[in-house]
PDB file of N, CA and C in Angstrom:
ATOM      1  N   MET A   1      -1.628   5.973   6.143  1.00  0.00           N
ATOM      2  CA  MET A   1      -2.864   6.355   5.500  1.00  0.00           C
ATOM      3  C   MET A   1      -4.013   5.746   6.288  1.00  0.00           C
ATOM      4  N   SER A   2      -5.057   6.530   6.484  1.00  0.00           N
ATOM      5  CA  SER A   2      -6.202   6.048   7.256  1.00  0.00           C
ATOM      6  C   SER A   2      -7.025   5.053   6.446  1.00  0.00           C
ATOM      7  N   ALA A   3      -7.865   4.319   7.149  1.00  0.00           N
ATOM      8  CA  ALA A   3      -8.721   3.334   6.488  1.00  0.00           C
ATOM      9  C   ALA A   3      -9.667   4.017   5.503  1.00  0.00           C
ATOM     10  N   LYS A   4     -10.145   5.196   5.877  1.00  0.00           N
ATOM     11  CA  LYS A   4     -11.042   5.938   4.985  1.00  0.00           C
ATOM     12  C   LYS A   4     -10.318   6.309   3.701  1.00  0.00           C
ATOM     13  N   GLY A   5      -9.082   6.735   3.820  1.00  0.00           N
ATOM     14  CA  GLY A   5      -8.284   7.094   2.650  1.00  0.00           C
ATOM     15  C   GLY A   5      -8.023   5.898   1.747  1.00  0.00           C
ATOM     16  N   ILE A   6      -7.813   4.758   2.352  1.00  0.00           N
ATOM     17  CA  ILE A   6      -7.579   3.546   1.567  1.00  0.00           C
ATOM     18  C   ILE A   6      -8.820   3.191   0.768  1.00  0.00           C
ATOM     19  N   TRP A   7      -9.999   3.273   1.409  1.00  0.00           N
ATOM     20  CA  TRP A   7     -11.238   2.943   0.699  1.00  0.00           C
ATOM     21  C   TRP A   7     -11.534   3.950  -0.404  1.00  0.00           C
ATOM     22  N   ILE A   8     -11.203   5.226  -0.178  1.00  0.00           N
ATOM     23  CA  ILE A   8     -11.396   6.235  -1.220  1.00  0.00           C
ATOM     24  C   ILE A   8     -10.482   5.934  -2.402  1.00  0.00           C
ATOM     25  N   ALA A   9      -9.223   5.622  -2.111  1.00  0.00           N
ATOM     26  CA  ALA A   9      -8.283   5.285  -3.183  1.00  0.00           C
ATOM     27  C   ALA A   9      -8.731   4.038  -3.936  1.00  0.00           C
ATOM     28  N   PHE A  10      -9.242   3.056  -3.208  1.00  0.00           N
ATOM     29  CA  PHE A  10      -9.747   1.833  -3.833  1.00  0.00           C
ATOM     30  C   PHE A  10     -10.906   2.149  -4.770  1.00  0.00           C
ATOM     31  N   GLY A  11     -11.842   2.961  -4.305  1.00  0.00           N
ATOM     32  CA  GLY A  11     -13.000   3.334  -5.120  1.00  0.00           C
ATOM     33  C   GLY A  11     -12.595   4.105  -6.360  1.00  0.00           C
ATOM     34  N   LEU A  12     -11.644   5.030  -6.212  1.00  0.00           N
ATOM     35  CA  LEU A  12     -11.161   5.785  -7.373  1.00  0.00           C
ATOM     36  C   LEU A  12     -10.463   4.867  -8.371  1.00  0.00           C
ATOM     37  N   GLY A  13      -9.719   3.909  -7.866  1.00  0.00           N
ATOM     38  CA  GLY A  13      -9.042   2.964  -8.750  1.00  0.00           C
ATOM     39  C   GLY A  13     -10.029   2.107  -9.521  1.00  0.00           C
ATOM     40  N   VAL A  14     -11.080   1.668  -8.835  1.00  0.00           N
ATOM     41  CA  VAL A  14     -12.116   0.876  -9.504  1.00  0.00           C
ATOM     42  C   VAL A  14     -12.804   1.704 -10.581  1.00  0.00           C
ATOM     43  N   ALA A  15     -13.137   2.957 -10.254  1.00  0.00           N
ATOM     44  CA  ALA A  15     -13.814   3.824 -11.220  1.00  0.00           C
ATOM     45  C   ALA A  15     -12.918   4.100 -12.426  1.00  0.00           C
ATOM     46  N   ALA A  16     -11.637   4.364 -12.186  1.00  0.00           N
ATOM     47  CA  ALA A  16     -10.715   4.626 -13.291  1.00  0.00           C
ATOM     48  C   ALA A  16     -10.557   3.382 -14.167  1.00  0.00           C
ATOM     49  N   GLY A  17     -10.445   2.235 -13.547  1.00  0.00           N
ATOM     50  CA  GLY A  17     -10.326   0.992 -14.311  1.00  0.00           C
ATOM     51  C   GLY A  17     -11.565   0.719 -15.142  1.00  0.00           C
ATOM     52  N   ALA A  18     -12.722   0.992 -14.578  1.00  0.00           N
ATOM     53  CA  ALA A  18     -13.967   0.782 -15.321  1.00  0.00           C
ATOM     54  C   ALA A  18     -14.054   1.753 -16.501  1.00  0.00           C
ATOM     55  N   ALA A  19     -13.644   2.993 -16.304  1.00  0.00           N
ATOM     56  CA  ALA A  19     -13.691   3.981 -17.392  1.00  0.00           C
ATOM     57  C   ALA A  19     -12.757   3.577 -18.526  1.00  0.00           C
ATOM     58  N   VAL A  20     -11.563   3.155 -18.193  1.00  0.00           N
ATOM     59  CA  VAL A  20     -10.607   2.731 -19.223  1.00  0.00           C
ATOM     60  C   VAL A  20     -11.128   1.495 -19.946  1.00  0.00           C
ATOM     61  N   ALA A  21     -11.706   0.570 -19.203  1.00  0.00           N
ATOM     62  CA  ALA A  21     -12.242  -0.647 -19.814  1.00  0.00           C
ATOM     63  C   ALA A  21     -13.371  -0.321 -20.784  1.00  0.00           C
ATOM     64  N   LEU A  22     -14.215   0.629 -20.420  1.00  0.00           N
ATOM     65  CA  LEU A  22     -15.318   1.004 -21.303  1.00  0.00           C
ATOM     66  C   LEU A  22     -14.816   1.689 -22.568  1.00  0.00           C
ATOM     67  N   LEU A  23     -13.789   2.502 -22.433  1.00  0.00           N
ATOM     68  CA  LEU A  23     -13.267   3.225 -23.596  1.00  0.00           C
ATOM     69  C   LEU A  23     -12.587   2.297 -24.597  1.00  0.00           C
ATOM     70  N   TYR A  24     -11.950   1.262 -24.102  1.00  0.00           N
ATOM     71  CA  TYR A  24     -11.176   0.385 -24.978  1.00  0.00           C
ATOM     72  C   TYR A  24     -11.830  -0.979 -25.219  1.00  0.00           C
ATOM     73  N   ALA A  25     -13.069  -1.132 -24.809  1.00  0.00           N
ATOM     74  CA  ALA A  25     -13.736  -2.423 -24.935  1.00  0.00           C
ATOM     75  C   ALA A  25     -14.217  -2.651 -26.375  1.00  0.00           C
ATOM     76  N   PRO A  26     -13.701  -3.664 -27.057  1.00  0.00           N
ATOM     77  CA  PRO A  26     -14.142  -3.954 -28.421  1.00  0.00           C
ATOM     78  C   PRO A  26     -15.276  -4.982 -28.443  1.00  0.00           C
ATOM     79  N   GLN A  27     -16.245  -4.820 -27.559  1.00  0.00           N
ATOM     80  CA  GLN A  27     -17.322  -5.785 -27.496  1.00  0.00           C
ATOM     81  C   GLN A  27     -18.655  -5.038 -27.463  1.00  0.00           C
ATOM     82  N   PRO A  28     -19.733  -5.719 -27.764  1.00  0.00           N
ATOM     83  CA  PRO A  28     -21.044  -5.055 -27.785  1.00  0.00           C
ATOM     84  C   PRO A  28     -21.479  -4.608 -26.386  1.00  0.00           C
ATOM     85  N   GLY A  29     -22.402  -3.663 -26.362  1.00  0.00           N
ATOM     86  CA  GLY A  29     -22.880  -3.090 -25.101  1.00  0.00           C
ATOM     87  C   GLY A  29     -23.510  -4.097 -24.169  1.00  0.00           C
ATOM     88  N   VAL A  30     -24.257  -5.057 -24.711  1.00  0.00           N
ATOM     89  CA  VAL A  30     -24.903  -6.065 -23.867  1.00  0.00           C
ATOM     90  C   VAL A  30     -23.858  -6.864 -23.107  1.00  0.00           C
ATOM     91  N   LYS A  31     -22.837  -7.272 -23.813  1.00  0.00           N
ATOM     92  CA  LYS A  31     -21.775  -8.062 -23.186  1.00  0.00           C
ATOM     93  C   LYS A  31     -21.031  -7.209 -22.156  1.00  0.00           C
ATOM     94  N   THR A  32     -20.794  -5.959 -22.488  1.00  0.00           N
ATOM     95  CA  THR A  32     -20.096  -5.063 -21.566  1.00  0.00           C
ATOM     96  C   THR A  32     -20.910  -4.849 -20.301  1.00  0.00           C
ATOM     97  N   ARG A  33     -22.215  -4.606 -20.456  1.00  0.00           N
ATOM     98  CA  ARG A  33     -23.069  -4.416 -19.283  1.00  0.00           C
ATOM     99  C   ARG A  33     -23.114  -5.669 -18.416  1.00  0.00           C
ATOM    100  N   ARG A  34     -23.167  -6.832 -19.036  1.00  0.00           N
ATOM    101  CA  ARG A  34     -23.172  -8.096 -18.296  1.00  0.00           C
ATOM    102  C   ARG A  34     -21.862  -8.245 -17.508  1.00  0.00           C
ATOM    103  N   GLN A  35     -20.765  -7.913 -18.182  1.00  0.00           N
ATOM    104  CA  GLN A  35     -19.457  -8.014 -17.527  1.00  0.00           C
ATOM    105  C   GLN A  35     -19.359  -7.010 -16.377  1.00  0.00           C
ATOM    106  N   LEU A  36     -19.850  -5.788 -16.596  1.00  0.00           N
ATOM    107  CA  LEU A  36     -19.819  -4.784 -15.530  1.00  0.00           C
ATOM    108  C   LEU A  36     -20.672  -5.231 -14.344  1.00  0.00           C
ATOM    109  N   ARG A  37     -21.847  -5.806 -14.616  1.00  0.00           N
ATOM    110  CA  ARG A  37     -22.710  -6.285 -13.541  1.00  0.00           C
ATOM    111  C   ARG A  37     -22.008  -7.383 -12.749  1.00  0.00           C
ATOM    112  N   ARG A  38     -21.361  -8.293 -13.450  1.00  0.00           N
ATOM    113  CA  ARG A  38     -20.650  -9.387 -12.792  1.00  0.00           C
ATOM    114  C   ARG A  38     -19.500  -8.830 -11.942  1.00  0.00           C
ATOM    115  N   ASN A  39     -18.749  -7.879 -12.498  1.00  0.00           N
ATOM    116  CA  ASN A  39     -17.639  -7.282 -11.743  1.00  0.00           C
ATOM    117  C   ASN A  39     -18.158  -6.510 -10.538  1.00  0.00           C
ATOM    118  N   PHE A  40     -19.287  -5.818 -10.717  1.00  0.00           N
ATOM    119  CA  PHE A  40     -19.887  -5.092  -9.601  1.00  0.00           C
ATOM    120  C   PHE A  40     -20.306  -6.071  -8.508  1.00  0.00           C
ATOM    121  N   ASP A  41     -20.948  -7.163  -8.893  1.00  0.00           N
ATOM    122  CA  ASP A  41     -21.366  -8.174  -7.914  1.00  0.00           C
ATOM    123  C   ASP A  41     -20.153  -8.778  -7.198  1.00  0.00           C
ATOM    124  N   ASP A  42     -19.073  -9.008  -7.944  1.00  0.00           N
ATOM    125  CA  ASP A  42     -17.842  -9.520  -7.321  1.00  0.00           C
ATOM    126  C   ASP A  42     -17.287  -8.511  -6.322  1.00  0.00           C
ATOM    127  N   GLY A  43     -17.344  -7.227  -6.691  1.00  0.00           N
ATOM    128  CA  GLY A  43     -16.866  -6.180  -5.788  1.00  0.00           C
ATOM    129  C   GLY A  43     -17.698  -6.106  -4.523  1.00  0.00           C
ATOM    130  N   VAL A  44     -19.014  -6.234  -4.674  1.00  0.00           N
ATOM    131  CA  VAL A  44     -19.902  -6.222  -3.507  1.00  0.00           C
ATOM    132  C   VAL A  44     -19.596  -7.419  -2.613  1.00  0.00           C
ATOM    133  N   ASP A  45     -19.415  -8.594  -3.210  1.00  0.00           N
ATOM    134  CA  ASP A  45     -19.075  -9.785  -2.423  1.00  0.00           C
ATOM    135  C   ASP A  45     -17.768  -9.590  -1.670  1.00  0.00           C
ATOM    136  N   TYR A  46     -16.771  -9.009  -2.360  1.00  0.00           N
ATOM    137  CA  TYR A  46     -15.477  -8.765  -1.732  1.00  0.00           C
ATOM    138  C   TYR A  46     -15.630  -7.819  -0.542  1.00  0.00           C
ATOM    139  N   LEU A  47     -16.398  -6.743  -0.725  1.00  0.00           N
ATOM    140  CA  LEU A  47     -16.580  -5.783   0.362  1.00  0.00           C
ATOM    141  C   LEU A  47     -17.343  -6.403   1.528  1.00  0.00           C
ATOM    142  N   GLU A  48     -18.327  -7.257   1.241  1.00  0.00           N
ATOM    143  CA  GLU A  48     -19.045  -7.934   2.315  1.00  0.00           C
ATOM    144  C   GLU A  48     -18.114  -8.863   3.086  1.00  0.00           C
ATOM    145  N   ASP A  49     -17.266  -9.583   2.377  1.00  0.00           N
ATOM    146  CA  ASP A  49     -16.299 -10.464   3.036  1.00  0.00           C
ATOM    147  C   ASP A  49     -15.320  -9.661   3.885  1.00  0.00           C
ATOM    148  N   ALA A  50     -14.850  -8.534   3.329  1.00  0.00           N
ATOM    149  CA  ALA A  50     -13.914  -7.688   4.068  1.00  0.00           C
ATOM    150  C   ALA A  50     -14.572  -7.125   5.324  1.00  0.00           C
ATOM    151  N   ALA A  51     -15.830  -6.692   5.212  1.00  0.00           N
ATOM    152  CA  ALA A  51     -16.542  -6.158   6.371  1.00  0.00           C
ATOM    153  C   ALA A  51     -16.727  -7.239   7.428  1.00  0.00           C
ATOM    154  N   SER A  52     -17.050  -8.449   7.002  1.00  0.00           N
ATOM    155  CA  SER A  52     -17.216  -9.555   7.940  1.00  0.00           C
ATOM    156  C   SER A  52     -15.903  -9.856   8.656  1.00  0.00           C
ATOM    157  N   TYR A  53     -14.819  -9.884   7.902  1.00  0.00           N
ATOM    158  CA  TYR A  53     -13.503 -10.142   8.483  1.00  0.00           C
ATOM    159  C   TYR A  53     -13.138  -9.050   9.492  1.00  0.00           C
ATOM    160  N   LEU A  54     -13.368  -7.791   9.115  1.00  0.00           N
ATOM    161  CA  LEU A  54     -13.041  -6.688  10.018  1.00  0.00           C
ATOM    162  C   LEU A  54     -13.895  -6.737  11.282  1.00  0.00           C
ATOM    163  N   LYS A  55     -15.143  -7.139  11.154  1.00  0.00           N
ATOM    164  CA  LYS A  55     -16.016  -7.264  12.321  1.00  0.00           C
ATOM    165  C   LYS A  55     -15.492  -8.348  13.256  1.00  0.00           C
ATOM    166  N   GLU A  56     -15.093  -9.485  12.692  1.00  0.00           N
ATOM    167  CA  GLU A  56     -14.544 -10.567  13.508  1.00  0.00           C
ATOM    168  C   GLU A  56     -13.278 -10.122  14.229  1.00  0.00           C
ATOM    169  N   GLN A  57     -12.413  -9.396  13.519  1.00  0.00           N
ATOM    170  CA  GLN A  57     -11.177  -8.918  14.132  1.00  0.00           C
ATOM    171  C   GLN A  57     -11.474  -7.925  15.247  1.00  0.00           C
ATOM    172  N   ALA A  58     -12.442  -7.040  15.036  1.00  0.00           N
ATOM    173  CA  ALA A  58     -12.799  -6.058  16.058  1.00  0.00           C
ATOM    174  C   ALA A  58     -13.351  -6.754  17.295  1.00  0.00           C
ATOM    175  N   GLU A  59     -14.183  -7.769  17.098  1.00  0.00           N
ATOM    176  CA  GLU A  59     -14.722  -8.508  18.242  1.00  0.00           C
ATOM    177  C   GLU A  59     -13.614  -9.224  18.999  1.00  0.00           C
ATOM    178  N   SER A  60     -12.684  -9.805  18.273  1.00  0.00           N
ATOM    179  CA  SER A  60     -11.565 -10.506  18.905  1.00  0.00           C
ATOM    180  C   SER A  60     -10.706  -9.530  19.711  1.00  0.00           C
ATOM    181  N   LEU A  61     -10.401  -8.386  19.117  1.00  0.00           N
ATOM    182  CA  LEU A  61      -9.595  -7.381  19.823  1.00  0.00           C
ATOM    183  C   LEU A  61     -10.335  -6.848  21.045  1.00  0.00           C
ATOM    184  N   SER A  62     -11.643  -6.698  20.935  1.00  0.00           N
ATOM    185  CA  SER A  62     -12.430  -6.226  22.064  1.00  0.00           C
ATOM    186  C   SER A  62     -12.369  -7.221  23.219  1.00  0.00           C
ATOM    187  N   LYS A  63     -12.496  -8.496  22.923  1.00  0.00           N
ATOM    188  CA  LYS A  63     -12.425  -9.521  23.962  1.00  0.00           C
ATOM    189  C   LYS A  63     -11.056  -9.528  24.634  1.00  0.00           C
ATOM    190  N   GLU A  64     -10.003  -9.403  23.829  1.00  0.00           N
ATOM    191  CA  GLU A  64      -8.650  -9.376  24.391  1.00  0.00           C
ATOM    192  C   GLU A  64      -8.454  -8.144  25.268  1.00  0.00           C
ATOM    193  N   ALA A  65      -8.982  -7.009  24.828  1.00  0.00           N
ATOM    194  CA  ALA A  65      -8.858  -5.781  25.618  1.00  0.00           C
ATOM    195  C   ALA A  65      -9.593  -5.923  26.947  1.00  0.00           C
ATOM    196  N   GLN A  66     -10.767  -6.545  26.928  1.00  0.00           N
ATOM    197  CA  GLN A  66     -11.515  -6.753  28.165  1.00  0.00           C
ATOM    198  C   GLN A  66     -10.756  -7.671  29.117  1.00  0.00           C
ATOM    199  N   LYS A  67     -10.154  -8.732  28.583  1.00  0.00           N
ATOM    200  CA  LYS A  67      -9.366  -9.641  29.425  1.00  0.00           C
ATOM    201  C   LYS A  67      -8.182  -8.896  30.046  1.00  0.00           C
ATOM    202  N   THR A  68      -7.499  -8.107  29.226  1.00  0.00           N
ATOM    203  CA  THR A  68      -6.338  -7.357  29.708  1.00  0.00           C
ATOM    204  C   THR A  68      -6.763  -6.353  30.773  1.00  0.00           C
ATOM    205  N   PHE A  69      -7.893  -5.690  30.552  1.00  0.00           N
ATOM    206  CA  PHE A  69      -8.392  -4.716  31.520  1.00  0.00           C
ATOM    207  C   PHE A  69      -8.684  -5.387  32.854  1.00  0.00           C
ATOM    208  N   LYS A  70      -9.369  -6.525  32.822  1.00  0.00           N
ATOM    209  CA  LYS A  70      -9.702  -7.233  34.062  1.00  0.00           C
ATOM    210  C   LYS A  70      -8.442  -7.679  34.796  1.00  0.00           C
ATOM    211  N   ARG A  71      -7.467  -8.203  34.030  1.00  0.00           N
ATOM    212  CA  ARG A  71      -6.223  -8.661  34.643  1.00  0.00           C
ATOM    213  C   ARG A  71      -5.473  -7.485  35.268  1.00  0.00           C
ATOM    214  N   THR A  72      -5.408  -6.380  34.565  1.00  0.00           N
ATOM    215  CA  THR A  72      -4.698  -5.200  35.061  1.00  0.00           C
ATOM    216  C   THR A  72      -5.408  -4.624  36.277  1.00  0.00           C
ATOM    217  N   ARG A  73      -6.737  -4.610  36.248  1.00  0.00           N
ATOM    218  CA  ARG A  73      -7.503  -4.095  37.384  1.00  0.00           C
ATOM    219  C   ARG A  73      -7.205  -4.930  38.635  1.00  0.00           C
ATOM    220  N   GLY A  74      -7.107  -6.247  38.464  1.00  0.00           N
ATOM    221  CA  GLY A  74      -6.776  -7.112  39.591  1.00  0.00           C
ATOM    222  C   GLY A  74      -5.380  -6.835  40.131  1.00  0.00           C
ATOM    223  N   GLN A  75      -4.437  -6.612  39.234  1.00  0.00           N
ATOM    224  CA  GLN A  75      -3.063  -6.333  39.659  1.00  0.00           C
ATOM    225  C   GLN A  75      -2.988  -4.992  40.391  1.00  0.00           C
ATOM    226  N   VAL A  76      -3.732  -4.004  39.913  1.00  0.00           N
ATOM    227  CA  VAL A  76      -3.746  -2.698  40.580  1.00  0.00           C
ATOM    228  C   VAL A  76      -4.371  -2.823  41.963  1.00  0.00           C
ATOM    229  N   ALA A  77      -5.451  -3.588  42.057  1.00  0.00           N
ATOM    230  CA  ALA A  77      -6.102  -3.784  43.363  1.00  0.00           C
ATOM    231  C   ALA A  77      -5.139  -4.454  44.340  1.00  0.00           C
ATOM    232  N   ASP A  78      -4.388  -5.432  43.881  1.00  0.00           N
ATOM    233  CA  ASP A  78      -3.395  -6.093  44.742  1.00  0.00           C
ATOM    234  C   ASP A  78      -2.326  -5.100  45.193  1.00  0.00           C
ATOM    235  N   ALA A  79      -1.863  -4.274  44.279  1.00  0.00           N
ATOM    236  CA  ALA A  79      -0.828  -3.295  44.618  1.00  0.00           C
ATOM    237  C   ALA A  79      -1.355  -2.279  45.625  1.00  0.00           C
ATOM    238  N   VAL A  80      -2.594  -1.851  45.453  1.00  0.00           N
ATOM    239  CA  VAL A  80      -3.190  -0.902  46.402  1.00  0.00           C
ATOM    240  C   VAL A  80      -3.321  -1.548  47.769  1.00  0.00           C
ATOM    241  N   ASP A  81      -3.746  -2.797  47.828  1.00  0.00           N
ATOM    242  CA  ASP A  81      -3.854  -3.503  49.112  1.00  0.00           C
ATOM    243  C   ASP A  81      -2.502  -3.600  49.803  1.00  0.00           C
ATOM    244  N   LYS A  82      -1.463  -3.950  49.063  1.00  0.00           N
ATOM    245  CA  LYS A  82      -0.120  -4.065  49.652  1.00  0.00           C
ATOM    246  C   LYS A  82       0.379  -2.707  50.131  1.00  0.00           C
ATOM    247  N   ALA A  83       0.114  -1.654  49.338  1.00  0.00           N
ATOM    248  CA  ALA A  83       0.538  -0.314  49.746  1.00  0.00           C
ATOM    249  C   ALA A  83      -0.217   0.123  50.999  1.00  0.00           C
ATOM    250  N   SER A  84      -1.495  -0.211  51.059  1.00  0.00           N
ATOM    251  CA  SER A  84      -2.302   0.132  52.233  1.00  0.00           C
ATOM    252  C   SER A  84      -1.774  -0.575  53.474  1.00  0.00           C
ATOM    253  N   GLU A  85      -1.416  -1.839  53.316  1.00  0.00           N
ATOM    254  CA  GLU A  85      -0.850  -2.590  54.435  1.00  0.00           C
ATOM    255  C   GLU A  85       0.478  -1.986  54.884  1.00  0.00           C
ATOM    256  N   ALA A  86       1.285  -1.578  53.915  1.00  0.00           N
ATOM    257  CA  ALA A  86       2.581  -0.987  54.253  1.00  0.00           C
ATOM    258  C   ALA A  86       2.396   0.333  54.988  1.00  0.00           C
ATOM    259  N   VAL A  87       1.457   1.146  54.526  1.00  0.00           N
ATOM    260  CA  VAL A  87       1.208   2.430  55.190  1.00  0.00           C
ATOM    261  C   VAL A  87       0.657   2.192  56.601  1.00  0.00           C
ATOM    262  N   SER A  88      -0.248   1.236  56.733  1.00  0.00           N
ATOM    263  CA  SER A  88      -0.798   0.930  58.064  1.00  0.00           C
ATOM    264  C   SER A  88       0.315   0.475  59.003  1.00  0.00           C
ATOM    265  N   GLY A  89       1.202  -0.368  58.505  1.00  0.00           N
ATOM    266  CA  GLY A  89       2.330  -0.826  59.321  1.00  0.00           C
ATOM    267  C   GLY A  89       3.232   0.329  59.711  1.00  0.00           C
ATOM    268  N   ALA A  90       3.453   1.236  58.783  1.00  0.00           N
ATOM    269  CA  ALA A  90       4.304   2.385  59.089  1.00  0.00           C
ATOM    270  C   ALA A  90       3.645   3.286  60.120  1.00  0.00           C
ATOM    271  N   VAL A  91       2.325   3.498  59.997  1.00  0.00           N
ATOM    272  CA  VAL A  91       1.614   4.325  60.964  1.00  0.00           C
ATOM    273  C   VAL A  91       1.673   3.679  62.352  1.00  0.00           C
ATOM    274  N   LYS A  92       1.484   2.385  62.451  1.00  0.00           N
ATOM    275  CA  LYS A  92       1.552   1.689  63.737  1.00  0.00           C
ATOM    276  C   LYS A  92       2.964   1.808  64.324  1.00  0.00           C
ATOM    277  N   GLY A  93       3.965   1.705  63.468  1.00  0.00           N
ATOM    278  CA  GLY A  93       5.352   1.823  63.942  1.00  0.00           C
ATOM    279  C   GLY A  93       5.630   3.210  64.479  1.00  0.00           C
ATOM    280  N   VAL A  94       5.117   4.230  63.806  1.00  0.00           N
ATOM    281  CA  VAL A  94       5.323   5.607  64.285  1.00  0.00           C
ATOM    282  C   VAL A  94       4.559   5.834  65.580  1.00  0.00           C
ATOM    283  N   GLN A  95       3.347   5.301  65.664  1.00  0.00           N
ATOM    284  CA  GLN A  95       2.543   5.473  66.887  1.00  0.00           C
ATOM    285  C   GLN A  95       3.189   4.771  68.071  1.00  0.00           C
ATOM    286  N   SER A  96       3.818   3.620  67.818  1.00  0.00           N
ATOM    287  CA  SER A  96       4.464   2.904  68.923  1.00  0.00           C
ATOM    288  C   SER A  96       5.705   3.637  69.413  1.00  0.00           C
ATOM    289  N   MET A  97       6.302   4.430  68.566  1.00  0.00           N
ATOM    290  CA  MET A  97       7.483   5.199  68.963  1.00  0.00           C
ATOM    291  C   MET A  97       7.109   6.420  69.792  1.00  0.00           C
ATOM    292  N   MET A  98       5.900   6.831  69.706  1.00  0.00           N
ATOM    293  CA  MET A  98       5.481   8.043  70.436  1.00  0.00           C
ATOM    294  C   MET A  98       5.108   7.727  71.799  1.00  0.00           C
TER     295      MET A  98
END
């Protein structure tokens, strides 16, 4: 399931839970609204924390990818240099035979 699908499912679950809570709540409206506001604020805090965590993970993965890219680029450059040397040696060997 994609991340977008997970967030949609999460939002639907929150909405369904809130609807059920409102239907079965044996408390006055003021108390219910206060509780809903508190739960909403908790949800916002949770989402902010999750976004911060995901941002940190993305930055970490980006740094690792850059390191891997640089290392791989160096290895490819070395391989190209060795192949070039081998081809040059082969060309010199063929020219000396002629």
